[in-house]
Amino acid sequence: MKTVQIYGIKNCDTMKKAFKWLDKEGIEYGFHDYKKGGFDADVIRQAVSEHGWETVINKRGTTWRKLDEKLKTSMDAERAIKVAGENPSIVKRPLILYSGKTYVGYDEGLYKSALK
C-alpha cells in the first residue's frame, strides 16, 4: 500500500483540516514539517513543474506580502523554488505527494478521487 506524504507546517489551520480528513477516511500518511524537518527541494520542484509556481506559492499570505516588490514582479519557477527554500511558509499548504504525483492545497473532492 502506498502512503500519502504530506508537507507543511503543523499549526496551520488548513493542515489541521487535511489531517482531520485523512484520519476520518482512515488514510495512512507521513508528515514532513518544514519548520522541523527543513525544506524538500525535490518535492517543491516537482510541484512547481506539475502545477506552476503560481499554484504552489501562496500569494495570499504574509510571507508573500513581505517579499520585495521587485522580486514579486520578477517571480518565475526557479525564483519561486529558491524563495520557498528560504521561506518554507510561502508554500501553499498542504502539499501532498502520493503515487508519484503532487497535490497542492486542501480539496476534499480531489482527495477523494486521488488518494483512495
PDB file of N, CA and C in Angstrom:
ATOM      1  N   MET A   1       0.836  -1.190   0.000  1.00  0.00           N
ATOM      2  CA  MET A   1       0.000   0.000   0.000  1.00  0.00           C
ATOM      3  C   MET A   1       0.877   1.248   0.000  1.00  0.00           C
ATOM      4  N   LYS A   2       0.550   2.186  -0.870  1.00  0.00           N
ATOM      5  CA  LYS A   2       1.297   3.434  -0.945  1.00  0.00           C
ATOM      6  C   LYS A   2       0.811   4.377   0.146  1.00  0.00           C
ATOM      7  N   THR A   3       1.749   5.085   0.742  1.00  0.00           N
ATOM      8  CA  THR A   3       1.411   6.015   1.812  1.00  0.00           C
ATOM      9  C   THR A   3       1.441   7.447   1.295  1.00  0.00           C
ATOM     10  N   VAL A   4       0.501   8.224   1.745  1.00  0.00           N
ATOM     11  CA  VAL A   4       0.445   9.650   1.447  1.00  0.00           C
ATOM     12  C   VAL A   4       1.524  10.339   2.262  1.00  0.00           C
ATOM     13  N   GLN A   5       2.283  11.221   1.629  1.00  0.00           N
ATOM     14  CA  GLN A   5       3.260  12.050   2.351  1.00  0.00           C
ATOM     15  C   GLN A   5       2.745  13.484   2.282  1.00  0.00           C
ATOM     16  N   ILE A   6       2.560  14.090   3.434  1.00  0.00           N
ATOM     17  CA  ILE A   6       2.012  15.439   3.496  1.00  0.00           C
ATOM     18  C   ILE A   6       3.077  16.392   4.039  1.00  0.00           C
ATOM     19  N   TYR A   7       3.231  17.523   3.368  1.00  0.00           N
ATOM     20  CA  TYR A   7       4.249  18.518   3.706  1.00  0.00           C
ATOM     21  C   TYR A   7       3.551  19.807   4.124  1.00  0.00           C
ATOM     22  N   GLY A   8       4.107  20.459   5.135  1.00  0.00           N
ATOM     23  CA  GLY A   8       3.548  21.725   5.577  1.00  0.00           C
ATOM     24  C   GLY A   8       4.040  22.107   6.948  1.00  0.00           C
ATOM     25  N   ILE A   9       3.201  22.848   7.639  1.00  0.00           N
ATOM     26  CA  ILE A   9       3.508  23.361   8.967  1.00  0.00           C
ATOM     27  C   ILE A   9       2.379  22.906   9.893  1.00  0.00           C
ATOM     28  N   LYS A  10       2.729  22.224  10.960  1.00  0.00           N
ATOM     29  CA  LYS A  10       1.745  21.551  11.831  1.00  0.00           C
ATOM     30  C   LYS A  10       0.638  22.476  12.337  1.00  0.00           C
ATOM     31  N   ASN A  11       0.952  23.694  12.694  1.00  0.00           N
ATOM     32  CA  ASN A  11      -0.029  24.573  13.328  1.00  0.00           C
ATOM     33  C   ASN A  11      -0.918  25.337  12.345  1.00  0.00           C
ATOM     34  N   CYS A  12      -0.799  25.070  11.072  1.00  0.00           N
ATOM     35  CA  CYS A  12      -1.612  25.734  10.051  1.00  0.00           C
ATOM     36  C   CYS A  12      -3.035  25.175  10.085  1.00  0.00           C
ATOM     37  N   ASP A  13      -4.035  26.038  10.041  1.00  0.00           N
ATOM     38  CA  ASP A  13      -5.427  25.596  10.087  1.00  0.00           C
ATOM     39  C   ASP A  13      -5.785  24.695   8.909  1.00  0.00           C
ATOM     40  N   THR A  14      -5.274  25.013   7.729  1.00  0.00           N
ATOM     41  CA  THR A  14      -5.558  24.197   6.558  1.00  0.00           C
ATOM     42  C   THR A  14      -4.935  22.812   6.700  1.00  0.00           C
ATOM     43  N   MET A  15      -3.758  22.750   7.288  1.00  0.00           N
ATOM     44  CA  MET A  15      -3.126  21.457   7.542  1.00  0.00           C
ATOM     45  C   MET A  15      -3.977  20.645   8.515  1.00  0.00           C
ATOM     46  N   LYS A  16      -4.493  21.301   9.535  1.00  0.00           N
ATOM     47  CA  LYS A  16      -5.328  20.602  10.508  1.00  0.00           C
ATOM     48  C   LYS A  16      -6.561  19.997   9.837  1.00  0.00           C
ATOM     49  N   LYS A  17      -7.155  20.729   8.878  1.00  0.00           N
ATOM     50  CA  LYS A  17      -8.293  20.191   8.135  1.00  0.00           C
ATOM     51  C   LYS A  17      -7.878  18.944   7.356  1.00  0.00           C
ATOM     52  N   ALA A  18      -6.726  19.016   6.720  1.00  0.00           N
ATOM     53  CA  ALA A  18      -6.243  17.876   5.929  1.00  0.00           C
ATOM     54  C   ALA A  18      -5.976  16.670   6.827  1.00  0.00           C
ATOM     55  N   PHE A  19      -5.307  16.888   7.956  1.00  0.00           N
ATOM     56  CA  PHE A  19      -5.047  15.781   8.891  1.00  0.00           C
ATOM     57  C   PHE A  19      -6.363  15.151   9.347  1.00  0.00           C
ATOM     58  N   LYS A  20      -7.321  15.995   9.697  1.00  0.00           N
ATOM     59  CA  LYS A  20      -8.607  15.513  10.178  1.00  0.00           C
ATOM     60  C   LYS A  20      -9.299  14.685   9.095  1.00  0.00           C
ATOM     61  N   TRP A  21      -9.282  15.163   7.857  1.00  0.00           N
ATOM     62  CA  TRP A  21      -9.916  14.435   6.765  1.00  0.00           C
ATOM     63  C   TRP A  21      -9.220  13.098   6.532  1.00  0.00           C
ATOM     64  N   LEU A  22      -7.897  13.100   6.481  1.00  0.00           N
ATOM     65  CA  LEU A  22      -7.144  11.859   6.269  1.00  0.00           C
ATOM     66  C   LEU A  22      -7.429  10.852   7.384  1.00  0.00           C
ATOM     67  N   ASP A  23      -7.449  11.328   8.624  1.00  0.00           N
ATOM     68  CA  ASP A  23      -7.738  10.454   9.762  1.00  0.00           C
ATOM     69  C   ASP A  23      -9.146   9.875   9.658  1.00  0.00           C
ATOM     70  N   LYS A  24     -10.116  10.733   9.328  1.00  0.00           N
ATOM     71  CA  LYS A  24     -11.518  10.300   9.220  1.00  0.00           C
ATOM     72  C   LYS A  24     -11.671   9.232   8.138  1.00  0.00           C
ATOM     73  N   GLU A  25     -10.930   9.382   7.051  1.00  0.00           N
ATOM     74  CA  GLU A  25     -11.017   8.437   5.943  1.00  0.00           C
ATOM     75  C   GLU A  25     -10.141   7.203   6.144  1.00  0.00           C
ATOM     76  N   GLY A  26      -9.364   7.189   7.219  1.00  0.00           N
ATOM     77  CA  GLY A  26      -8.505   6.040   7.502  1.00  0.00           C
ATOM     78  C   GLY A  26      -7.328   5.913   6.550  1.00  0.00           C
ATOM     79  N   ILE A  27      -6.870   7.041   6.030  1.00  0.00           N
ATOM     80  CA  ILE A  27      -5.748   7.045   5.088  1.00  0.00           C
ATOM     81  C   ILE A  27      -4.457   7.253   5.864  1.00  0.00           C
ATOM     82  N   GLU A  28      -3.534   6.319   5.705  1.00  0.00           N
ATOM     83  CA  GLU A  28      -2.231   6.444   6.371  1.00  0.00           C
ATOM     84  C   GLU A  28      -1.419   7.536   5.695  1.00  0.00           C
ATOM     85  N   TYR A  29      -0.665   8.266   6.515  1.00  0.00           N
ATOM     86  CA  TYR A  29       0.163   9.324   5.950  1.00  0.00           C
ATOM     87  C   TYR A  29       1.386   9.567   6.817  1.00  0.00           C
ATOM     88  N   GLY A  30       2.408  10.070   6.155  1.00  0.00           N
ATOM     89  CA  GLY A  30       3.587  10.562   6.849  1.00  0.00           C
ATOM     90  C   GLY A  30       3.554  12.076   6.774  1.00  0.00           C
ATOM     91  N   PHE A  31       4.130  12.731   7.756  1.00  0.00           N
ATOM     92  CA  PHE A  31       4.107  14.194   7.792  1.00  0.00           C
ATOM     93  C   PHE A  31       5.523  14.745   7.853  1.00  0.00           C
ATOM     94  N   HIS A  32       5.795  15.713   6.974  1.00  0.00           N
ATOM     95  CA  HIS A  32       7.083  16.411   6.957  1.00  0.00           C
ATOM     96  C   HIS A  32       6.808  17.872   7.308  1.00  0.00           C
ATOM     97  N   ASP A  33       7.251  18.286   8.477  1.00  0.00           N
ATOM     98  CA  ASP A  33       7.068  19.664   8.951  1.00  0.00           C
ATOM     99  C   ASP A  33       8.246  20.506   8.482  1.00  0.00           C
ATOM    100  N   TYR A  34       7.960  21.510   7.661  1.00  0.00           N
ATOM    101  CA  TYR A  34       9.023  22.386   7.151  1.00  0.00           C
ATOM    102  C   TYR A  34       9.797  23.068   8.274  1.00  0.00           C
ATOM    103  N   LYS A  35       9.105  23.385   9.351  1.00  0.00           N
ATOM    104  CA  LYS A  35       9.756  24.089  10.456  1.00  0.00           C
ATOM    105  C   LYS A  35      10.772  23.195  11.173  1.00  0.00           C
ATOM    106  N   LYS A  36      10.480  21.896  11.257  1.00  0.00           N
ATOM    107  CA  LYS A  36      11.362  20.982  11.976  1.00  0.00           C
ATOM    108  C   LYS A  36      12.264  20.174  11.049  1.00  0.00           C
ATOM    109  N   GLY A  37      11.745  19.768   9.901  1.00  0.00           N
ATOM    110  CA  GLY A  37      12.484  18.878   9.011  1.00  0.00           C
ATOM    111  C   GLY A  37      13.157  19.560   7.846  1.00  0.00           C
ATOM    112  N   GLY A  38      12.954  20.874   7.728  1.00  0.00           N
ATOM    113  CA  GLY A  38      13.572  21.597   6.624  1.00  0.00           C
ATOM    114  C   GLY A  38      12.783  21.481   5.333  1.00  0.00           C
ATOM    115  N   PHE A  39      13.376  21.998   4.323  1.00  0.00           N
ATOM    116  CA  PHE A  39      12.780  22.152   3.007  1.00  0.00           C
ATOM    117  C   PHE A  39      13.152  20.961   2.133  1.00  0.00           C
ATOM    118  N   ASP A  40      12.210  20.437   1.369  1.00  0.00           N
ATOM    119  CA  ASP A  40      12.479  19.339   0.441  1.00  0.00           C
ATOM    120  C   ASP A  40      12.404  19.886  -0.979  1.00  0.00           C
ATOM    121  N   ALA A  41      13.549  20.297  -1.514  1.00  0.00           N
ATOM    122  CA  ALA A  41      13.610  20.952  -2.821  1.00  0.00           C
ATOM    123  C   ALA A  41      13.063  20.077  -3.939  1.00  0.00           C
ATOM    124  N   ASP A  42      13.293  18.776  -3.877  1.00  0.00           N
ATOM    125  CA  ASP A  42      12.814  17.894  -4.939  1.00  0.00           C
ATOM    126  C   ASP A  42      11.289  17.880  -5.019  1.00  0.00           C
ATOM    127  N   VAL A  43      10.637  17.847  -3.882  1.00  0.00           N
ATOM    128  CA  VAL A  43       9.174  17.827  -3.864  1.00  0.00           C
ATOM    129  C   VAL A  43       8.619  19.167  -4.347  1.00  0.00           C
ATOM    130  N   ILE A  44       9.214  20.265  -3.899  1.00  0.00           N
ATOM    131  CA  ILE A  44       8.756  21.586  -4.343  1.00  0.00           C
ATOM    132  C   ILE A  44       8.994  21.738  -5.846  1.00  0.00           C
ATOM    133  N   ARG A  45      10.146  21.319  -6.314  1.00  0.00           N
ATOM    134  CA  ARG A  45      10.462  21.387  -7.743  1.00  0.00           C
ATOM    135  C   ARG A  45       9.438  20.579  -8.556  1.00  0.00           C
ATOM    136  N   GLN A  46       9.095  19.389  -8.072  1.00  0.00           N
ATOM    137  CA  GLN A  46       8.098  18.569  -8.758  1.00  0.00           C
ATOM    138  C   GLN A  46       6.742  19.270  -8.771  1.00  0.00           C
ATOM    139  N   ALA A  47       6.337  19.815  -7.632  1.00  0.00           N
ATOM    140  CA  ALA A  47       5.044  20.505  -7.553  1.00  0.00           C
ATOM    141  C   ALA A  47       5.003  21.696  -8.503  1.00  0.00           C
ATOM    142  N   VAL A  48       6.082  22.474  -8.548  1.00  0.00           N
ATOM    143  CA  VAL A  48       6.136  23.627  -9.454  1.00  0.00           C
ATOM    144  C   VAL A  48       6.069  23.152 -10.904  1.00  0.00           C
ATOM    145  N   SER A  49       6.761  22.071 -11.209  1.00  0.00           N
ATOM    146  CA  SER A  49       6.738  21.515 -12.559  1.00  0.00           C
ATOM    147  C   SER A  49       5.334  21.048 -12.950  1.00  0.00           C
ATOM    148  N   GLU A  50       4.638  20.410 -12.018  1.00  0.00           N
ATOM    149  CA  GLU A  50       3.307  19.867 -12.309  1.00  0.00           C
ATOM    150  C   GLU A  50       2.195  20.912 -12.297  1.00  0.00           C
ATOM    151  N   HIS A  51       2.318  21.931 -11.431  1.00  0.00           N
ATOM    152  CA  HIS A  51       1.207  22.862 -11.225  1.00  0.00           C
ATOM    153  C   HIS A  51       1.521  24.308 -11.562  1.00  0.00           C
ATOM    154  N   GLY A  52       2.799  24.643 -11.738  1.00  0.00           N
ATOM    155  CA  GLY A  52       3.193  26.034 -11.933  1.00  0.00           C
ATOM    156  C   GLY A  52       3.456  26.718 -10.608  1.00  0.00           C
ATOM    157  N   TRP A  53       4.400  27.638 -10.601  1.00  0.00           N
ATOM    158  CA  TRP A  53       4.766  28.302  -9.344  1.00  0.00           C
ATOM    159  C   TRP A  53       3.598  29.094  -8.773  1.00  0.00           C
ATOM    160  N   GLU A  54       2.718  29.620  -9.648  1.00  0.00           N
ATOM    161  CA  GLU A  54       1.603  30.440  -9.190  1.00  0.00           C
ATOM    162  C   GLU A  54       0.639  29.649  -8.308  1.00  0.00           C
ATOM    163  N   THR A  55       0.578  28.335  -8.506  1.00  0.00           N
ATOM    164  CA  THR A  55      -0.277  27.480  -7.691  1.00  0.00           C
ATOM    165  C   THR A  55       0.426  27.061  -6.406  1.00  0.00           C
ATOM    166  N   VAL A  56       1.713  26.798  -6.493  1.00  0.00           N
ATOM    167  CA  VAL A  56       2.470  26.280  -5.351  1.00  0.00           C
ATOM    168  C   VAL A  56       2.782  27.369  -4.325  1.00  0.00           C
ATOM    169  N   ILE A  57       3.026  28.571  -4.795  1.00  0.00           N
ATOM    170  CA  ILE A  57       3.358  29.681  -3.897  1.00  0.00           C
ATOM    171  C   ILE A  57       2.076  30.359  -3.422  1.00  0.00           C
ATOM    172  N   ASN A  58       1.956  30.528  -2.114  1.00  0.00           N
ATOM    173  CA  ASN A  58       0.786  31.176  -1.522  1.00  0.00           C
ATOM    174  C   ASN A  58       0.969  32.687  -1.586  1.00  0.00           C
ATOM    175  N   LYS A  59       0.289  33.296  -2.547  1.00  0.00           N
ATOM    176  CA  LYS A  59       0.404  34.750  -2.718  1.00  0.00           C
ATOM    177  C   LYS A  59      -0.584  35.526  -1.852  1.00  0.00           C
ATOM    178  N   ARG A  60      -1.343  34.830  -1.018  1.00  0.00           N
ATOM    179  CA  ARG A  60      -2.300  35.495  -0.141  1.00  0.00           C
ATOM    180  C   ARG A  60      -1.780  35.641   1.286  1.00  0.00           C
ATOM    181  N   GLY A  61      -0.655  35.020   1.581  1.00  0.00           N
ATOM    182  CA  GLY A  61      -0.137  35.008   2.945  1.00  0.00           C
ATOM    183  C   GLY A  61       0.820  36.141   3.258  1.00  0.00           C
ATOM    184  N   THR A  62       1.164  36.234   4.532  1.00  0.00           N
ATOM    185  CA  THR A  62       2.055  37.305   4.986  1.00  0.00           C
ATOM    186  C   THR A  62       3.477  37.143   4.449  1.00  0.00           C
ATOM    187  N   THR A  63       3.914  35.911   4.224  1.00  0.00           N
ATOM    188  CA  THR A  63       5.275  35.708   3.715  1.00  0.00           C
ATOM    189  C   THR A  63       5.405  36.333   2.331  1.00  0.00           C
ATOM    190  N   TRP A  64       4.417  36.152   1.474  1.00  0.00           N
ATOM    191  CA  TRP A  64       4.434  36.756   0.138  1.00  0.00           C
ATOM    192  C   TRP A  64       4.405  38.281   0.250  1.00  0.00           C
ATOM    193  N   ARG A  65       3.548  38.792   1.109  1.00  0.00           N
ATOM    194  CA  ARG A  65       3.416  40.249   1.237  1.00  0.00           C
ATOM    195  C   ARG A  65       4.700  40.899   1.727  1.00  0.00           C
ATOM    196  N   LYS A  66       5.515  40.160   2.475  1.00  0.00           N
ATOM    197  CA  LYS A  66       6.764  40.708   2.993  1.00  0.00           C
ATOM    198  C   LYS A  66       7.900  40.704   1.965  1.00  0.00           C
ATOM    199  N   LEU A  67       7.715  39.996   0.855  1.00  0.00           N
ATOM    200  CA  LEU A  67       8.771  39.951  -0.165  1.00  0.00           C
ATOM    201  C   LEU A  67       8.933  41.304  -0.840  1.00  0.00           C
ATOM    202  N   ASP A  68      10.130  41.557  -1.306  1.00  0.00           N
ATOM    203  CA  ASP A  68      10.428  42.767  -2.058  1.00  0.00           C
ATOM    204  C   ASP A  68       9.566  42.815  -3.327  1.00  0.00           C
ATOM    205  N   GLU A  69       9.023  43.967  -3.639  1.00  0.00           N
ATOM    206  CA  GLU A  69       8.153  44.117  -4.808  1.00  0.00           C
ATOM    207  C   GLU A  69       8.858  43.716  -6.102  1.00  0.00           C
ATOM    208  N   LYS A  70      10.126  44.043  -6.219  1.00  0.00           N
ATOM    209  CA  LYS A  70      10.883  43.691  -7.426  1.00  0.00           C
ATOM    210  C   LYS A  70      10.960  42.170  -7.575  1.00  0.00           C
ATOM    211  N   LEU A  71      11.163  41.477  -6.467  1.00  0.00           N
ATOM    212  CA  LEU A  71      11.211  40.019  -6.500  1.00  0.00           C
ATOM    213  C   LEU A  71       9.845  39.451  -6.894  1.00  0.00           C
ATOM    214  N   LYS A  72       8.784  40.001  -6.338  1.00  0.00           N
ATOM    215  CA  LYS A  72       7.442  39.502  -6.661  1.00  0.00           C
ATOM    216  C   LYS A  72       7.120  39.685  -8.143  1.00  0.00           C
ATOM    217  N   THR A  73       7.479  40.818  -8.704  1.00  0.00           N
ATOM    218  CA  THR A  73       7.156  41.071 -10.111  1.00  0.00           C
ATOM    219  C   THR A  73       8.051  40.294 -11.073  1.00  0.00           C
ATOM    220  N   SER A  74       9.192  39.836 -10.600  1.00  0.00           N
ATOM    221  CA  SER A  74      10.092  39.064 -11.468  1.00  0.00           C
ATOM    222  C   SER A  74      10.049  37.569 -11.164  1.00  0.00           C
ATOM    223  N   MET A  75       9.074  37.147 -10.393  1.00  0.00           N
ATOM    224  CA  MET A  75       8.986  35.748  -9.970  1.00  0.00           C
ATOM    225  C   MET A  75       8.806  34.832 -11.174  1.00  0.00           C
ATOM    226  N   ASP A  76       9.534  33.743 -11.154  1.00  0.00           N
ATOM    227  CA  ASP A  76       9.381  32.663 -12.124  1.00  0.00           C
ATOM    228  C   ASP A  76       9.595  31.354 -11.369  1.00  0.00           C
ATOM    229  N   ALA A  77       9.579  30.239 -12.071  1.00  0.00           N
ATOM    230  CA  ALA A  77       9.656  28.934 -11.412  1.00  0.00           C
ATOM    231  C   ALA A  77      10.927  28.775 -10.589  1.00  0.00           C
ATOM    232  N   GLU A  78      12.073  29.096 -11.152  1.00  0.00           N
ATOM    233  CA  GLU A  78      13.338  28.929 -10.414  1.00  0.00           C
ATOM    234  C   GLU A  78      13.425  29.850  -9.208  1.00  0.00           C
ATOM    235  N   ARG A  79      12.997  31.091  -9.370  1.00  0.00           N
ATOM    236  CA  ARG A  79      12.999  32.017  -8.230  1.00  0.00           C
ATOM    237  C   ARG A  79      12.040  31.544  -7.150  1.00  0.00           C
ATOM    238  N   ALA A  80      10.899  31.021  -7.569  1.00  0.00           N
ATOM    239  CA  ALA A  80       9.906  30.529  -6.602  1.00  0.00           C
ATOM    240  C   ALA A  80      10.477  29.388  -5.769  1.00  0.00           C
ATOM    241  N   ILE A  81      11.201  28.483  -6.408  1.00  0.00           N
ATOM    242  CA  ILE A  81      11.807  27.368  -5.686  1.00  0.00           C
ATOM    243  C   ILE A  81      12.854  27.883  -4.710  1.00  0.00           C
ATOM    244  N   LYS A  82      13.649  28.859  -5.145  1.00  0.00           N
ATOM    245  CA  LYS A  82      14.670  29.457  -4.266  1.00  0.00           C
ATOM    246  C   LYS A  82      14.010  30.170  -3.079  1.00  0.00           C
ATOM    247  N   VAL A  83      12.981  30.960  -3.355  1.00  0.00           N
ATOM    248  CA  VAL A  83      12.270  31.681  -2.294  1.00  0.00           C
ATOM    249  C   VAL A  83      11.628  30.690  -1.317  1.00  0.00           C
ATOM    250  N   ALA A  84      11.056  29.607  -1.837  1.00  0.00           N
ATOM    251  CA  ALA A  84      10.440  28.594  -0.970  1.00  0.00           C
ATOM    252  C   ALA A  84      11.485  27.946  -0.068  1.00  0.00           C
ATOM    253  N   GLY A  85      12.699  27.760  -0.596  1.00  0.00           N
ATOM    254  CA  GLY A  85      13.766  27.185   0.223  1.00  0.00           C
ATOM    255  C   GLY A  85      14.168  28.099   1.364  1.00  0.00           C
ATOM    256  N   GLU A  86      14.103  29.396   1.124  1.00  0.00           N
ATOM    257  CA  GLU A  86      14.464  30.382   2.145  1.00  0.00           C
ATOM    258  C   GLU A  86      13.300  30.684   3.086  1.00  0.00           C
ATOM    259  N   ASN A  87      12.077  30.483   2.596  1.00  0.00           N
ATOM    260  CA  ASN A  87      10.857  30.805   3.343  1.00  0.00           C
ATOM    261  C   ASN A  87       9.819  29.708   3.139  1.00  0.00           C
ATOM    262  N   PRO A  88       9.976  28.538   3.755  1.00  0.00           N
ATOM    263  CA  PRO A  88       9.041  27.435   3.502  1.00  0.00           C
ATOM    264  C   PRO A  88       7.580  27.777   3.791  1.00  0.00           C
ATOM    265  N   SER A  89       7.347  28.776   4.613  1.00  0.00           N
ATOM    266  CA  SER A  89       5.972  29.172   4.925  1.00  0.00           C
ATOM    267  C   SER A  89       5.233  29.711   3.707  1.00  0.00           C
ATOM    268  N   ILE A  90       5.944  30.033   2.649  1.00  0.00           N
ATOM    269  CA  ILE A  90       5.323  30.599   1.453  1.00  0.00           C
ATOM    270  C   ILE A  90       4.676  29.528   0.574  1.00  0.00           C
ATOM    271  N   VAL A  91       4.980  28.257   0.837  1.00  0.00           N
ATOM    272  CA  VAL A  91       4.410  27.175   0.043  1.00  0.00           C
ATOM    273  C   VAL A  91       2.971  26.939   0.477  1.00  0.00           C
ATOM    274  N   LYS A  92       2.063  26.878  -0.513  1.00  0.00           N
ATOM    275  CA  LYS A  92       0.655  26.619  -0.218  1.00  0.00           C
ATOM    276  C   LYS A  92       0.530  25.264   0.470  1.00  0.00           C
ATOM    277  N   ARG A  93      -0.334  25.210   1.454  1.00  0.00           N
ATOM    278  CA  ARG A  93      -0.477  24.003   2.256  1.00  0.00           C
ATOM    279  C   ARG A  93      -1.886  23.451   2.152  1.00  0.00           C
ATOM    280  N   PRO A  94      -1.973  22.149   2.316  1.00  0.00           N
ATOM    281  CA  PRO A  94      -0.886  21.178   2.362  1.00  0.00           C
ATOM    282  C   PRO A  94      -0.355  20.880   0.956  1.00  0.00           C
ATOM    283  N   LEU A  95       0.836  20.374   0.930  1.00  0.00           N
ATOM    284  CA  LEU A  95       1.435  19.843  -0.289  1.00  0.00           C
ATOM    285  C   LEU A  95       1.517  18.339  -0.061  1.00  0.00           C
ATOM    286  N   ILE A  96       0.879  17.586  -0.939  1.00  0.00           N
ATOM    287  CA  ILE A  96       0.811  16.133  -0.772  1.00  0.00           C
ATOM    288  C   ILE A  96       1.536  15.448  -1.926  1.00  0.00           C
ATOM    289  N   LEU A  97       2.291  14.429  -1.567  1.00  0.00           N
ATOM    290  CA  LEU A  97       2.939  13.570  -2.555  1.00  0.00           C
ATOM    291  C   LEU A  97       2.337  12.177  -2.389  1.00  0.00           C
ATOM    292  N   TYR A  98       1.765  11.684  -3.478  1.00  0.00           N
ATOM    293  CA  TYR A  98       1.159  10.355  -3.432  1.00  0.00           C
ATOM    294  C   TYR A  98       1.259   9.700  -4.800  1.00  0.00           C
ATOM    295  N   SER A  99       1.753   8.506  -4.826  1.00  0.00           N
ATOM    296  CA  SER A  99       1.835   7.712  -6.045  1.00  0.00           C
ATOM    297  C   SER A  99       2.549   8.472  -7.170  1.00  0.00           C
ATOM    298  N   GLY A 100       3.604   9.212  -6.792  1.00  0.00           N
ATOM    299  CA  GLY A 100       4.423   9.905  -7.775  1.00  0.00           C
ATOM    300  C   GLY A 100       3.890  11.242  -8.255  1.00  0.00           C
ATOM    301  N   LYS A 101       2.762  11.697  -7.697  1.00  0.00           N
ATOM    302  CA  LYS A 101       2.173  12.977  -8.098  1.00  0.00           C
ATOM    303  C   LYS A 101       2.030  13.886  -6.888  1.00  0.00           C
ATOM    304  N   THR A 102       2.004  15.183  -7.157  1.00  0.00           N
ATOM    305  CA  THR A 102       1.801  16.156  -6.083  1.00  0.00           C
ATOM    306  C   THR A 102       0.404  16.760  -6.178  1.00  0.00           C
ATOM    307  N   TYR A 103      -0.106  17.140  -5.023  1.00  0.00           N
ATOM    308  CA  TYR A 103      -1.405  17.798  -4.913  1.00  0.00           C
ATOM    309  C   TYR A 103      -1.209  18.990  -3.988  1.00  0.00           C
ATOM    310  N   VAL A 104      -1.749  20.151  -4.386  1.00  0.00           N
ATOM    311  CA  VAL A 104      -1.496  21.385  -3.655  1.00  0.00           C
ATOM    312  C   VAL A 104      -2.809  21.945  -3.121  1.00  0.00           C
ATOM    313  N   GLY A 105      -2.805  22.250  -1.829  1.00  0.00           N
ATOM    314  CA  GLY A 105      -3.973  22.849  -1.200  1.00  0.00           C
ATOM    315  C   GLY A 105      -4.929  21.801  -0.660  1.00  0.00           C
ATOM    316  N   TYR A 106      -5.914  22.266   0.080  1.00  0.00           N
ATOM    317  CA  TYR A 106      -6.905  21.377   0.684  1.00  0.00           C
ATOM    318  C   TYR A 106      -8.135  21.322  -0.216  1.00  0.00           C
ATOM    319  N   ASP A 107      -8.442  20.125  -0.711  1.00  0.00           N
ATOM    320  CA  ASP A 107      -9.575  19.938  -1.612  1.00  0.00           C
ATOM    321  C   ASP A 107     -10.130  18.532  -1.394  1.00  0.00           C
ATOM    322  N   GLU A 108     -11.198  18.433  -0.617  1.00  0.00           N
ATOM    323  CA  GLU A 108     -11.763  17.121  -0.282  1.00  0.00           C
ATOM    324  C   GLU A 108     -12.147  16.330  -1.523  1.00  0.00           C
ATOM    325  N   GLY A 109     -12.747  16.990  -2.503  1.00  0.00           N
ATOM    326  CA  GLY A 109     -13.154  16.305  -3.720  1.00  0.00           C
ATOM    327  C   GLY A 109     -11.956  15.676  -4.436  1.00  0.00           C
ATOM    328  N   LEU A 110     -10.891  16.432  -4.553  1.00  0.00           N
ATOM    329  CA  LEU A 110      -9.678  15.922  -5.176  1.00  0.00           C
ATOM    330  C   LEU A 110      -9.092  14.784  -4.342  1.00  0.00           C
ATOM    331  N   TYR A 111      -9.060  14.958  -3.047  1.00  0.00           N
ATOM    332  CA  TYR A 111      -8.527  13.916  -2.174  1.00  0.00           C
ATOM    333  C   TYR A 111      -9.320  12.615  -2.333  1.00  0.00           C
ATOM    334  N   LYS A 112     -10.651  12.736  -2.375  1.00  0.00           N
ATOM    335  CA  LYS A 112     -11.490  11.539  -2.501  1.00  0.00           C
ATOM    336  C   LYS A 112     -11.165  10.762  -3.762  1.00  0.00           C
ATOM    337  N   SER A 113     -10.923  11.466  -4.872  1.00  0.00           N
ATOM    338  CA  SER A 113     -10.660  10.779  -6.128  1.00  0.00           C
ATOM    339  C   SER A 113      -9.198  10.338  -6.260  1.00  0.00           C
ATOM    340  N   ALA A 114      -8.264  11.071  -5.677  1.00  0.00           N
ATOM    341  CA  ALA A 114      -6.842  10.801  -5.909  1.00  0.00           C
ATOM    342  C   ALA A 114      -6.201   9.919  -4.845  1.00  0.00           C
ATOM    343  N   LEU A 115      -6.667   9.972  -3.622  1.00  0.00           N
ATOM    344  CA  LEU A 115      -5.941   9.320  -2.519  1.00  0.00           C
ATOM    345  C   LEU A 115      -6.535   7.989  -2.085  1.00  0.00           C
ATOM    346  N   LYS A 116      -7.571   7.544  -2.708  1.00  0.00           N
ATOM    347  CA  LYS A 116      -8.188   6.273  -2.288  1.00  0.00           C
ATOM    348  C   LYS A 116      -7.849   5.165  -3.238  1.00  0.00           C
TER     349      LYS A 116
END
